Protein backbone atom coordinates (compact mmCIF):
# COMPACT_ATOMS: atom_id res chain seq x y z
CA MET A 1 212.51 -97.17 -2.43
CA ARG A 2 212.23 -95.45 -5.61
CA ILE A 3 210.03 -92.46 -6.91
CA ILE A 4 208.86 -92.18 -10.36
CA ASN A 5 208.02 -88.32 -11.30
CA THR A 6 208.17 -88.10 -14.68
CA LYS A 7 208.76 -90.62 -17.78
CA GLN A 8 212.79 -89.57 -17.52
CA ASP A 9 212.97 -91.75 -14.26
CA ILE A 10 211.53 -94.88 -15.96
CA LEU A 11 214.12 -94.20 -18.35
CA ILE A 12 216.89 -94.03 -15.49
CA LEU A 13 215.43 -96.76 -13.60
CA ARG A 14 215.40 -98.96 -17.09
CA ARG A 15 219.36 -97.40 -17.39
CA ALA A 16 220.54 -98.94 -14.09
CA GLU A 17 218.80 -101.97 -14.80
CA VAL A 18 217.71 -101.74 -10.74
CA LEU A 19 214.22 -102.83 -11.96
CA GLN A 20 212.41 -105.58 -14.06
CA ALA A 21 212.17 -104.52 -17.93
CA GLU A 22 208.11 -106.05 -17.79
CA PHE A 23 207.50 -104.48 -14.37
CA LEU A 24 208.53 -100.75 -15.63
CA ASP A 25 206.39 -101.60 -18.78
CA GLN A 26 203.93 -101.57 -16.85
CA VAL A 27 204.72 -98.63 -14.68
CA GLU A 28 204.99 -96.67 -17.96
CA TYR A 29 201.39 -98.36 -19.22
CA PHE A 30 199.89 -96.64 -15.98
CA PHE A 31 201.29 -93.49 -16.69
CA LEU A 32 200.51 -93.45 -20.46
CA GLN A 33 197.04 -93.97 -19.20
CA LEU A 34 196.96 -91.66 -16.57
CA ARG A 35 198.21 -89.16 -19.44
CA TYR A 36 195.21 -90.00 -21.63
CA GLU A 37 192.78 -89.67 -19.08
CA LEU A 38 193.57 -86.52 -18.54
CA VAL A 39 194.19 -85.07 -21.80
CA ASP A 40 192.34 -81.83 -22.35
CA GLU A 41 189.85 -82.79 -24.73
CA ALA A 42 189.53 -78.85 -25.98
CA GLU A 43 192.91 -78.00 -26.37
CA GLY A 44 194.81 -81.76 -26.70
CA GLU A 45 197.16 -81.04 -24.33
CA PHE A 46 197.76 -83.08 -21.35
CA ARG A 47 196.99 -81.12 -18.45
CA ARG A 48 196.41 -81.54 -14.38
CA GLN A 49 194.33 -79.02 -12.50
CA ARG A 50 197.23 -78.24 -10.31
CA PRO A 51 201.10 -78.52 -11.19
CA ARG A 52 202.20 -80.24 -8.49
CA PRO A 53 204.21 -84.05 -9.15
CA PHE A 54 202.58 -87.29 -9.17
CA PRO A 55 204.62 -89.92 -7.76
CA LEU A 56 205.06 -93.59 -7.88
CA LEU A 57 206.43 -94.90 -4.53
CA LEU A 58 207.72 -98.12 -5.33
CA PHE A 59 209.00 -101.02 -2.33
């Protein structure tokens, strides 16, 4: 099981080559979409209501 909380976690998995690059591309794209959806349009910043992690569990 892998837990991805940040972009750095994705980079670590890429370097370790524990998952296929194509799959990590999709995971990274998912996080980019999530970030785009959560951008505060008034301030142009990435914000979430609660500052807790949004882990992605991979089995």
